[in-house]
Amino acid sequence: MDDKQFEKVHSELYKLRQAVKLGPLHSLAVIELAREFYSEPQRRAYLEDYSGMRREADNLKLAHTKAARDTQERDDAWTAYAAAYERAKEFAAKHPLIHELYEARRELCNRDHLGRFDYQ
């Protein structure tokens, strides 16, 4: 993907995220964008990797919340969460389009309570 294509995709995904936040947007719009720009196996693998990193960070944050009674356990959970979050942040910096698609997908799922997003 050259710089011009990159900017176009980034712009489209940004607009999509804003539309999801501001009002109704049919989930097919996200699915179509995903199909168009992420049909390549390597990009799909990146999205799955990033989703896994974000899930890991979310689970560790939840573990931190549940471990509120044990200071050492809570500190360990927070340290693990911070490390997982940093890994996800570094990955997002290297692959900003993957991050944009993940966020658009997540916001749409949250808004529509879909829980699961199938972009294939």
Foldseek 3Di string as FASTA:
>chain_A
DDPVVVVVLVVVLVVLQVDLVPDDDDCVVLLVSCCVPPVDVVSVVLLVVLVVLVVQLVVLVVQLVVCVVPPVSNVVSVVSSVVSVVVSVVSCVVPVSSVSSNSSQVSNCVVVVVVDDDND
